N, C-alpha and C. Protein backbone atom coordinates (compact mmCIF):
# COMPACT_ATOMS: atom_id res chain seq x y z
N UNK A 1 112.27 77.59 -6.34
CA UNK A 1 110.88 77.83 -5.96
C UNK A 1 110.56 79.31 -6.17
N UNK A 2 109.38 79.58 -6.78
CA UNK A 2 108.99 80.96 -7.12
C UNK A 2 107.98 81.54 -6.13
N UNK A 3 107.74 80.84 -5.05
CA UNK A 3 106.80 81.30 -4.03
C UNK A 3 105.98 80.14 -3.53
N UNK A 4 104.93 80.49 -2.76
CA UNK A 4 104.05 79.45 -2.25
C UNK A 4 102.67 80.00 -1.94
N UNK A 5 101.69 79.10 -1.95
CA UNK A 5 100.33 79.41 -1.53
C UNK A 5 100.15 78.81 -0.15
N UNK A 6 99.81 79.64 0.82
CA UNK A 6 99.60 79.16 2.18
C UNK A 6 98.10 79.13 2.47
N UNK A 7 97.53 77.95 2.78
CA UNK A 7 96.11 77.87 3.09
C UNK A 7 95.78 78.74 4.31
N UNK A 8 94.75 79.59 4.18
CA UNK A 8 94.41 80.50 5.28
C UNK A 8 93.80 79.77 6.47
N UNK A 9 93.20 78.61 6.26
CA UNK A 9 92.62 77.87 7.38
C UNK A 9 93.60 76.89 8.00
N UNK A 10 94.86 76.95 7.62
CA UNK A 10 95.85 76.01 8.11
C UNK A 10 96.09 74.91 7.09
N UNK A 11 97.23 74.29 7.18
CA UNK A 11 97.59 73.23 6.25
C UNK A 11 98.96 73.48 5.67
N UNK A 12 99.41 72.54 4.87
CA UNK A 12 100.75 72.63 4.28
C UNK A 12 100.79 73.65 3.15
N UNK A 13 101.88 74.44 3.09
CA UNK A 13 102.02 75.38 1.98
C UNK A 13 102.17 74.62 0.66
N UNK A 14 101.68 75.25 -0.41
CA UNK A 14 101.78 74.67 -1.76
C UNK A 14 102.89 75.41 -2.49
N UNK A 15 103.98 74.72 -2.83
CA UNK A 15 105.09 75.40 -3.52
C UNK A 15 104.71 75.74 -4.96
N UNK A 16 105.16 76.91 -5.40
CA UNK A 16 104.97 77.35 -6.79
C UNK A 16 106.28 77.09 -7.51
N UNK A 17 106.36 75.97 -8.23
CA UNK A 17 107.62 75.47 -8.74
C UNK A 17 107.94 75.84 -10.18
N UNK A 18 106.93 76.22 -10.97
CA UNK A 18 107.22 76.60 -12.36
C UNK A 18 106.46 77.87 -12.71
N UNK A 19 106.78 78.45 -13.87
CA UNK A 19 106.24 79.75 -14.23
C UNK A 19 104.80 79.72 -14.71
N UNK A 20 104.30 78.56 -15.08
CA UNK A 20 102.90 78.39 -15.47
C UNK A 20 102.36 77.19 -14.71
N UNK A 21 101.28 77.41 -13.95
CA UNK A 21 100.71 76.35 -13.14
C UNK A 21 99.20 76.29 -13.34
N UNK A 22 98.69 75.14 -13.71
CA UNK A 22 97.27 74.92 -13.85
C UNK A 22 96.75 74.39 -12.51
N UNK A 23 95.69 75.03 -12.01
CA UNK A 23 95.12 74.67 -10.72
C UNK A 23 93.72 74.11 -10.97
N UNK A 24 93.43 72.95 -10.38
CA UNK A 24 92.11 72.36 -10.54
C UNK A 24 91.97 71.06 -9.80
N UNK A 25 90.82 70.43 -10.01
CA UNK A 25 90.50 69.18 -9.31
C UNK A 25 91.13 67.96 -9.98
N UNK A 26 91.45 68.03 -11.26
CA UNK A 26 92.01 66.88 -11.97
C UNK A 26 93.41 66.56 -11.49
N UNK A 27 93.74 65.29 -11.51
CA UNK A 27 95.06 64.85 -11.05
C UNK A 27 96.16 65.31 -12.00
N UNK A 28 95.83 65.63 -13.26
CA UNK A 28 96.84 66.09 -14.22
C UNK A 28 97.20 67.56 -14.04
N UNK A 29 96.47 68.29 -13.18
CA UNK A 29 96.79 69.70 -12.93
C UNK A 29 98.11 69.80 -12.16
N UNK A 30 98.78 70.94 -12.31
CA UNK A 30 100.04 71.16 -11.58
C UNK A 30 99.78 71.28 -10.09
N UNK A 31 98.68 71.92 -9.73
CA UNK A 31 98.26 72.02 -8.33
C UNK A 31 96.86 71.41 -8.26
N UNK A 32 96.74 70.28 -7.59
CA UNK A 32 95.46 69.58 -7.50
C UNK A 32 94.78 69.92 -6.18
N UNK A 33 93.55 70.42 -6.27
CA UNK A 33 92.74 70.74 -5.09
C UNK A 33 91.53 69.81 -5.12
N UNK A 34 91.52 68.81 -4.26
CA UNK A 34 90.47 67.79 -4.26
C UNK A 34 89.25 68.26 -3.46
N UNK A 35 88.52 69.25 -4.02
CA UNK A 35 87.30 69.74 -3.41
C UNK A 35 86.21 69.70 -4.49
N UNK A 36 84.98 69.31 -4.12
CA UNK A 36 83.93 69.21 -5.14
C UNK A 36 83.55 70.54 -5.78
N UNK A 37 83.78 71.66 -5.11
CA UNK A 37 83.41 72.96 -5.70
C UNK A 37 84.54 73.58 -6.53
N UNK A 38 85.66 72.89 -6.68
CA UNK A 38 86.76 73.33 -7.54
C UNK A 38 86.58 72.66 -8.89
N UNK A 39 86.63 73.45 -9.96
CA UNK A 39 86.46 72.91 -11.32
C UNK A 39 87.66 72.06 -11.70
N UNK A 40 87.48 71.22 -12.72
CA UNK A 40 88.57 70.34 -13.14
C UNK A 40 89.78 71.14 -13.61
N UNK A 41 89.57 72.21 -14.34
CA UNK A 41 90.61 73.18 -14.69
C UNK A 41 90.10 74.53 -14.21
N UNK A 42 90.41 74.90 -13.00
CA UNK A 42 89.80 76.06 -12.34
C UNK A 42 90.46 77.38 -12.72
N UNK A 43 91.78 77.46 -12.57
CA UNK A 43 92.49 78.71 -12.86
C UNK A 43 93.93 78.40 -13.22
N UNK A 44 94.61 79.45 -13.67
CA UNK A 44 96.02 79.31 -14.05
C UNK A 44 96.80 80.41 -13.35
N UNK A 45 97.95 80.04 -12.83
CA UNK A 45 98.90 81.00 -12.25
C UNK A 45 100.07 81.12 -13.23
N UNK A 46 100.45 82.36 -13.54
CA UNK A 46 101.58 82.60 -14.44
C UNK A 46 102.54 83.58 -13.79
N UNK A 47 103.80 83.27 -13.86
CA UNK A 47 104.85 84.15 -13.34
C UNK A 47 105.41 84.93 -14.53
N UNK A 48 105.05 86.20 -14.62
CA UNK A 48 105.39 87.03 -15.79
C UNK A 48 106.13 88.28 -15.31
N UNK A 49 107.28 88.55 -15.87
CA UNK A 49 108.07 89.74 -15.53
C UNK A 49 108.24 89.91 -14.02
N UNK A 50 108.42 88.80 -13.32
CA UNK A 50 108.71 88.87 -11.89
C UNK A 50 107.50 88.92 -10.99
N UNK A 51 106.29 88.83 -11.53
CA UNK A 51 105.06 88.88 -10.73
C UNK A 51 104.15 87.73 -11.10
N UNK A 52 103.35 87.29 -10.13
CA UNK A 52 102.36 86.26 -10.38
C UNK A 52 101.06 86.90 -10.86
N UNK A 53 100.42 86.23 -11.82
CA UNK A 53 99.10 86.64 -12.30
C UNK A 53 98.20 85.42 -12.25
N UNK A 54 96.97 85.61 -11.80
CA UNK A 54 96.00 84.53 -11.76
C UNK A 54 94.93 84.80 -12.81
N UNK A 55 94.48 83.73 -13.47
CA UNK A 55 93.44 83.87 -14.50
C UNK A 55 92.44 82.74 -14.34
N UNK A 56 91.17 83.09 -14.26
CA UNK A 56 90.11 82.10 -14.17
C UNK A 56 89.98 81.37 -15.50
N UNK A 57 89.73 80.08 -15.46
CA UNK A 57 89.61 79.27 -16.68
C UNK A 57 88.13 78.91 -16.91
N UNK A 58 87.26 79.91 -16.78
CA UNK A 58 85.81 79.72 -16.94
C UNK A 58 85.28 78.69 -15.94
N UNK A 59 85.76 78.78 -14.72
CA UNK A 59 85.33 77.84 -13.68
C UNK A 59 83.91 78.15 -13.24
N UNK A 60 83.28 77.18 -12.64
CA UNK A 60 81.91 77.35 -12.17
C UNK A 60 81.85 78.30 -10.97
N UNK A 61 82.78 78.21 -10.05
CA UNK A 61 82.72 78.99 -8.80
C UNK A 61 83.71 80.14 -8.74
N UNK A 62 84.46 80.38 -9.79
CA UNK A 62 85.29 81.58 -9.93
C UNK A 62 86.45 81.70 -8.97
N UNK A 63 87.11 82.85 -9.08
CA UNK A 63 88.24 83.19 -8.21
C UNK A 63 88.00 84.58 -7.64
N UNK A 64 88.63 84.83 -6.50
CA UNK A 64 88.60 86.16 -5.89
C UNK A 64 90.01 86.51 -5.46
N UNK A 65 90.33 87.79 -5.54
CA UNK A 65 91.59 88.29 -5.01
C UNK A 65 91.23 89.38 -4.01
N UNK A 66 91.66 89.19 -2.77
CA UNK A 66 91.35 90.11 -1.68
C UNK A 66 89.85 90.39 -1.59
N UNK A 67 89.05 89.34 -1.76
CA UNK A 67 87.60 89.44 -1.61
C UNK A 67 86.85 89.93 -2.84
N UNK A 68 87.56 90.30 -3.91
CA UNK A 68 86.91 90.82 -5.12
C UNK A 68 86.96 89.76 -6.22
N UNK A 69 85.78 89.41 -6.73
CA UNK A 69 85.73 88.43 -7.83
C UNK A 69 86.36 89.04 -9.08
N UNK A 70 87.09 88.23 -9.83
CA UNK A 70 87.78 88.73 -11.02
C UNK A 70 87.99 87.59 -12.00
N UNK A 71 88.32 87.97 -13.23
CA UNK A 71 88.68 86.97 -14.24
C UNK A 71 90.19 86.82 -14.33
N UNK A 72 90.91 87.94 -14.12
CA UNK A 72 92.37 87.94 -14.19
C UNK A 72 92.88 89.05 -13.29
N UNK A 73 93.98 88.81 -12.58
CA UNK A 73 94.50 89.82 -11.66
C UNK A 73 95.96 89.56 -11.38
N UNK A 74 96.73 90.65 -11.32
CA UNK A 74 98.13 90.56 -10.88
C UNK A 74 98.13 90.41 -9.37
N UNK A 75 99.02 89.56 -8.86
CA UNK A 75 99.07 89.27 -7.43
C UNK A 75 100.33 89.87 -6.82
N UNK A 76 100.15 90.51 -5.68
CA UNK A 76 101.27 91.03 -4.91
C UNK A 76 101.48 90.13 -3.70
N UNK A 77 102.69 90.09 -3.14
CA UNK A 77 102.93 89.25 -1.97
C UNK A 77 101.94 89.61 -0.85
N UNK A 78 101.36 88.57 -0.26
CA UNK A 78 100.40 88.76 0.83
C UNK A 78 98.95 88.85 0.38
N UNK A 79 98.71 88.90 -0.94
CA UNK A 79 97.32 88.92 -1.42
C UNK A 79 96.62 87.62 -1.03
N UNK A 80 95.32 87.74 -0.76
CA UNK A 80 94.49 86.58 -0.46
C UNK A 80 93.79 86.14 -1.74
N UNK A 81 93.97 84.89 -2.11
CA UNK A 81 93.41 84.32 -3.33
C UNK A 81 92.40 83.25 -2.92
N UNK A 82 91.15 83.40 -3.40
CA UNK A 82 90.13 82.38 -3.14
C UNK A 82 89.87 81.62 -4.43
N UNK A 83 90.06 80.33 -4.38
CA UNK A 83 89.77 79.43 -5.50
C UNK A 83 88.53 78.67 -5.07
N UNK A 84 87.40 78.97 -5.74
CA UNK A 84 86.08 78.58 -5.26
C UNK A 84 85.95 79.24 -3.88
N UNK A 85 85.78 78.49 -2.83
CA UNK A 85 85.67 79.09 -1.49
C UNK A 85 86.92 78.83 -0.64
N UNK A 86 87.98 78.32 -1.26
CA UNK A 86 89.19 77.95 -0.52
C UNK A 86 90.20 79.06 -0.64
N UNK A 87 90.57 79.65 0.51
CA UNK A 87 91.41 80.85 0.51
C UNK A 87 92.87 80.53 0.84
N UNK A 88 93.75 81.19 0.08
CA UNK A 88 95.19 81.03 0.23
C UNK A 88 95.83 82.41 0.24
N UNK A 89 96.97 82.51 0.91
CA UNK A 89 97.78 83.72 0.84
C UNK A 89 98.99 83.41 -0.02
N UNK A 90 99.24 84.28 -1.00
CA UNK A 90 100.39 84.06 -1.87
C UNK A 90 101.59 84.77 -1.28
N UNK A 91 102.69 84.05 -1.17
CA UNK A 91 103.94 84.62 -0.65
C UNK A 91 105.05 84.36 -1.65
N UNK A 92 105.69 85.44 -2.06
CA UNK A 92 106.83 85.35 -2.97
C UNK A 92 107.57 86.67 -2.93
N UNK A 93 108.76 86.68 -3.51
CA UNK A 93 109.54 87.90 -3.64
C UNK A 93 109.51 88.33 -5.10
N UNK A 94 108.93 89.51 -5.39
CA UNK A 94 108.91 89.96 -6.80
C UNK A 94 110.32 90.02 -7.35
N UNK A 95 110.49 89.62 -8.59
CA UNK A 95 111.81 89.61 -9.21
C UNK A 95 111.95 90.72 -10.23
N UNK A 96 111.38 91.87 -9.89
CA UNK A 96 111.46 93.02 -10.78
C UNK A 96 111.39 94.29 -9.94
N UNK A 97 112.10 95.33 -10.37
CA UNK A 97 112.02 96.62 -9.68
C UNK A 97 110.81 97.41 -10.16
N UNK A 98 110.27 97.03 -11.31
CA UNK A 98 109.11 97.70 -11.88
C UNK A 98 107.84 97.18 -11.20
N UNK A 99 106.79 98.01 -11.13
CA UNK A 99 105.52 97.50 -10.61
C UNK A 99 104.90 96.54 -11.62
N UNK A 100 103.92 95.73 -11.18
CA UNK A 100 103.30 94.81 -12.14
C UNK A 100 102.60 95.59 -13.24
N UNK A 101 102.42 94.99 -14.40
CA UNK A 101 101.74 95.69 -15.49
C UNK A 101 100.33 96.12 -15.07
N UNK A 102 99.80 97.14 -15.76
CA UNK A 102 98.45 97.62 -15.47
C UNK A 102 97.44 96.55 -15.84
N UNK A 103 96.34 96.53 -15.10
CA UNK A 103 95.26 95.60 -15.40
C UNK A 103 94.64 95.97 -16.73
N UNK A 104 94.30 94.98 -17.52
CA UNK A 104 93.62 95.23 -18.79
C UNK A 104 92.12 95.30 -18.55
N UNK A 105 91.46 96.15 -19.32
CA UNK A 105 90.01 96.25 -19.24
C UNK A 105 89.41 95.08 -20.00
N UNK A 106 88.68 94.17 -19.31
CA UNK A 106 88.16 92.99 -20.01
C UNK A 106 87.13 93.34 -21.08
N UNK A 107 86.53 94.53 -21.03
CA UNK A 107 85.54 94.91 -22.03
C UNK A 107 86.21 95.37 -23.32
N UNK A 108 87.52 95.59 -23.30
CA UNK A 108 88.24 95.96 -24.50
C UNK A 108 88.77 94.73 -25.24
N UNK A 109 88.55 93.55 -24.68
CA UNK A 109 89.09 92.33 -25.25
C UNK A 109 87.98 91.54 -25.96
N UNK A 110 88.35 90.88 -27.04
CA UNK A 110 87.41 89.98 -27.70
C UNK A 110 87.32 88.70 -26.86
N UNK A 111 86.31 87.89 -27.13
CA UNK A 111 86.18 86.63 -26.41
C UNK A 111 87.36 85.71 -26.67
N UNK A 112 87.90 85.74 -27.89
CA UNK A 112 89.06 84.91 -28.21
C UNK A 112 90.28 85.37 -27.41
N UNK A 113 90.45 86.69 -27.26
CA UNK A 113 91.56 87.22 -26.47
C UNK A 113 91.38 86.84 -25.01
N UNK A 114 90.15 87.00 -24.51
CA UNK A 114 89.87 86.72 -23.10
C UNK A 114 90.14 85.26 -22.77
N UNK A 115 89.87 84.38 -23.74
CA UNK A 115 90.11 82.95 -23.53
C UNK A 115 91.58 82.59 -23.69
N UNK A 116 92.40 83.55 -24.12
CA UNK A 116 93.83 83.29 -24.29
C UNK A 116 94.15 82.55 -25.57
N UNK A 117 93.21 82.55 -26.54
CA UNK A 117 93.42 81.83 -27.79
C UNK A 117 94.11 82.66 -28.86
N UNK A 118 94.04 83.98 -28.76
CA UNK A 118 94.74 84.88 -29.68
C UNK A 118 95.40 85.98 -28.87
N UNK A 119 96.43 86.57 -29.46
CA UNK A 119 97.11 87.68 -28.79
C UNK A 119 96.23 88.92 -28.84
N UNK A 120 96.27 89.74 -27.79
CA UNK A 120 95.43 90.94 -27.79
C UNK A 120 95.79 91.89 -28.91
N UNK A 121 94.77 92.46 -29.52
CA UNK A 121 94.98 93.51 -30.52
C UNK A 121 94.98 94.85 -29.80
N UNK A 122 95.82 95.72 -30.23
CA UNK A 122 95.82 97.07 -29.66
C UNK A 122 94.95 97.94 -30.55
N UNK A 123 93.84 98.37 -29.99
CA UNK A 123 92.90 99.19 -30.74
C UNK A 123 93.06 100.64 -30.32
N UNK A 124 92.87 101.58 -31.25
CA UNK A 124 92.91 102.99 -30.85
C UNK A 124 91.72 103.29 -29.94
N UNK A 125 91.93 104.20 -29.01
CA UNK A 125 90.85 104.56 -28.11
C UNK A 125 89.77 105.30 -28.88
N UNK A 126 88.53 104.99 -28.55
CA UNK A 126 87.40 105.66 -29.19
C UNK A 126 87.11 106.97 -28.49
N UNK A 127 86.80 108.03 -29.25
CA UNK A 127 86.45 109.29 -28.60
C UNK A 127 85.12 109.13 -27.87
N UNK A 128 84.97 109.86 -26.81
CA UNK A 128 83.73 109.80 -26.04
C UNK A 128 82.65 110.58 -26.78
N UNK A 129 81.42 110.14 -26.65
CA UNK A 129 80.28 110.82 -27.27
C UNK A 129 80.06 112.16 -26.57
N UNK A 130 79.63 113.18 -27.32
CA UNK A 130 79.37 114.46 -26.66
C UNK A 130 78.22 114.31 -25.67
N UNK A 131 78.21 115.11 -24.62
CA UNK A 131 77.15 114.99 -23.62
C UNK A 131 75.79 115.33 -24.25
N UNK A 132 74.77 114.67 -23.78
CA UNK A 132 73.42 114.89 -24.31
C UNK A 132 72.93 116.28 -23.90
N UNK A 133 72.23 116.93 -24.84
CA UNK A 133 71.66 118.24 -24.56
C UNK A 133 70.37 118.08 -23.79
N UNK A 134 70.14 118.95 -22.83
CA UNK A 134 68.89 118.92 -22.07
C UNK A 134 67.76 119.31 -23.01
N UNK A 135 66.60 118.66 -22.87
CA UNK A 135 65.49 119.01 -23.75
C UNK A 135 65.05 120.45 -23.51
N UNK A 136 64.64 121.11 -24.57
CA UNK A 136 64.24 122.50 -24.51
C UNK A 136 62.81 122.58 -24.00
N UNK A 137 62.58 123.48 -23.06
CA UNK A 137 61.25 123.65 -22.50
C UNK A 137 60.43 124.51 -23.46
N UNK A 138 59.25 124.03 -23.79
CA UNK A 138 58.36 124.75 -24.70
C UNK A 138 57.11 125.14 -23.93
N UNK A 139 56.78 126.42 -23.98
CA UNK A 139 55.57 126.87 -23.32
C UNK A 139 54.41 126.76 -24.29
N UNK A 140 53.32 126.16 -23.80
CA UNK A 140 52.13 125.98 -24.62
C UNK A 140 51.16 127.13 -24.36
N UNK A 141 50.36 127.49 -25.35
CA UNK A 141 49.37 128.55 -25.14
C UNK A 141 48.29 128.09 -24.17
N UNK A 142 47.58 129.05 -23.61
CA UNK A 142 46.53 128.75 -22.64
C UNK A 142 45.43 127.87 -23.22
N UNK A 143 45.25 127.91 -24.53
CA UNK A 143 44.16 127.15 -25.13
C UNK A 143 44.57 125.71 -25.48
N UNK A 144 45.66 125.19 -24.87
CA UNK A 144 46.11 123.85 -25.18
C UNK A 144 45.11 122.77 -24.79
N UNK A 145 44.26 123.05 -23.82
CA UNK A 145 43.28 122.05 -23.41
C UNK A 145 42.29 121.76 -24.52
N UNK A 146 42.14 122.67 -25.47
CA UNK A 146 41.22 122.47 -26.58
C UNK A 146 41.89 121.75 -27.75
N UNK A 147 43.23 121.55 -27.69
CA UNK A 147 43.96 120.93 -28.79
C UNK A 147 43.87 119.40 -28.68
N UNK A 148 43.84 118.72 -29.81
CA UNK A 148 43.87 117.25 -29.81
C UNK A 148 45.31 116.80 -29.56
N UNK A 149 45.47 115.50 -29.27
CA UNK A 149 46.82 114.95 -29.05
C UNK A 149 47.69 115.15 -30.28
N UNK A 150 47.13 114.95 -31.49
CA UNK A 150 47.91 115.12 -32.71
C UNK A 150 48.36 116.57 -32.86
N UNK A 151 47.48 117.51 -32.53
CA UNK A 151 47.85 118.94 -32.63
C UNK A 151 48.93 119.29 -31.63
N UNK A 152 48.84 118.71 -30.42
CA UNK A 152 49.89 118.96 -29.41
C UNK A 152 51.23 118.42 -29.91
N UNK A 153 51.25 117.20 -30.47
CA UNK A 153 52.48 116.64 -31.01
C UNK A 153 53.05 117.48 -32.11
N UNK A 154 52.19 117.99 -32.99
CA UNK A 154 52.62 118.85 -34.08
C UNK A 154 53.18 120.15 -33.53
N UNK A 155 52.60 120.67 -32.47
CA UNK A 155 53.07 121.91 -31.85
C UNK A 155 54.51 121.73 -31.37
N UNK A 156 54.80 120.57 -30.74
CA UNK A 156 56.15 120.32 -30.26
C UNK A 156 57.14 120.19 -31.41
N UNK A 157 56.72 119.56 -32.49
CA UNK A 157 57.62 119.34 -33.62
C UNK A 157 57.89 120.60 -34.43
N UNK A 158 56.96 121.55 -34.40
CA UNK A 158 57.10 122.75 -35.24
C UNK A 158 57.24 124.00 -34.40
N UNK A 159 58.00 123.95 -33.33
CA UNK A 159 58.20 125.12 -32.49
C UNK A 159 59.01 126.16 -33.25
N UNK A 160 58.48 127.38 -33.41
CA UNK A 160 59.20 128.40 -34.18
C UNK A 160 60.50 128.85 -33.52
N UNK A 161 60.67 128.65 -32.21
CA UNK A 161 61.90 129.06 -31.54
C UNK A 161 63.09 128.21 -31.96
N UNK A 162 62.86 127.00 -32.51
CA UNK A 162 63.96 126.13 -32.94
C UNK A 162 64.82 126.78 -34.01
N UNK A 163 64.19 127.50 -34.95
CA UNK A 163 64.94 128.15 -36.02
C UNK A 163 65.85 129.24 -35.47
N UNK A 164 65.41 129.94 -34.44
CA UNK A 164 66.21 131.01 -33.89
C UNK A 164 67.43 130.47 -33.16
N UNK A 165 67.29 129.30 -32.51
CA UNK A 165 68.41 128.74 -31.76
C UNK A 165 69.52 128.26 -32.72
N UNK A 166 69.13 127.68 -33.86
CA UNK A 166 70.12 127.19 -34.82
C UNK A 166 70.91 128.33 -35.44
N UNK A 167 70.29 129.51 -35.55
CA UNK A 167 70.97 130.64 -36.20
C UNK A 167 72.04 131.23 -35.31
N UNK A 168 71.95 131.05 -34.01
CA UNK A 168 72.95 131.66 -33.12
C UNK A 168 74.18 130.83 -32.99
């Protein structure tokens, strides 16, 4: 046995018997939860490098770990896992001296990677864009009230101070 899920509201513990477990409402799932708000294939638990990881399978009501909604998360002993609105505490002994792998940024993954259909590609990090420059304040002459809107726009576009700033 690789651990167990203990229902937080009371009930029998659910043994975690294999390294990959499909959780859902269907009877063919490894862990069947007969609740109407649990999707037929709700989430998957995987035991990887000595730690459990939970991954949502595009369920309608999602998963939460320690109250935070997520798509995928590494689980530590004692974490609270909510499948739809049903909360469990995961209990197991990690089988590694190393900490669990770092969480992946879901925005760096393609939809195919996120769905688990292809292996993640390692992309080089993109450089950050330079910070935006504050707009330059332009003083208008006192007679601006006599200028038309087109003349005012032209005044902003043809400010003679712009040439001096580029030269420095």
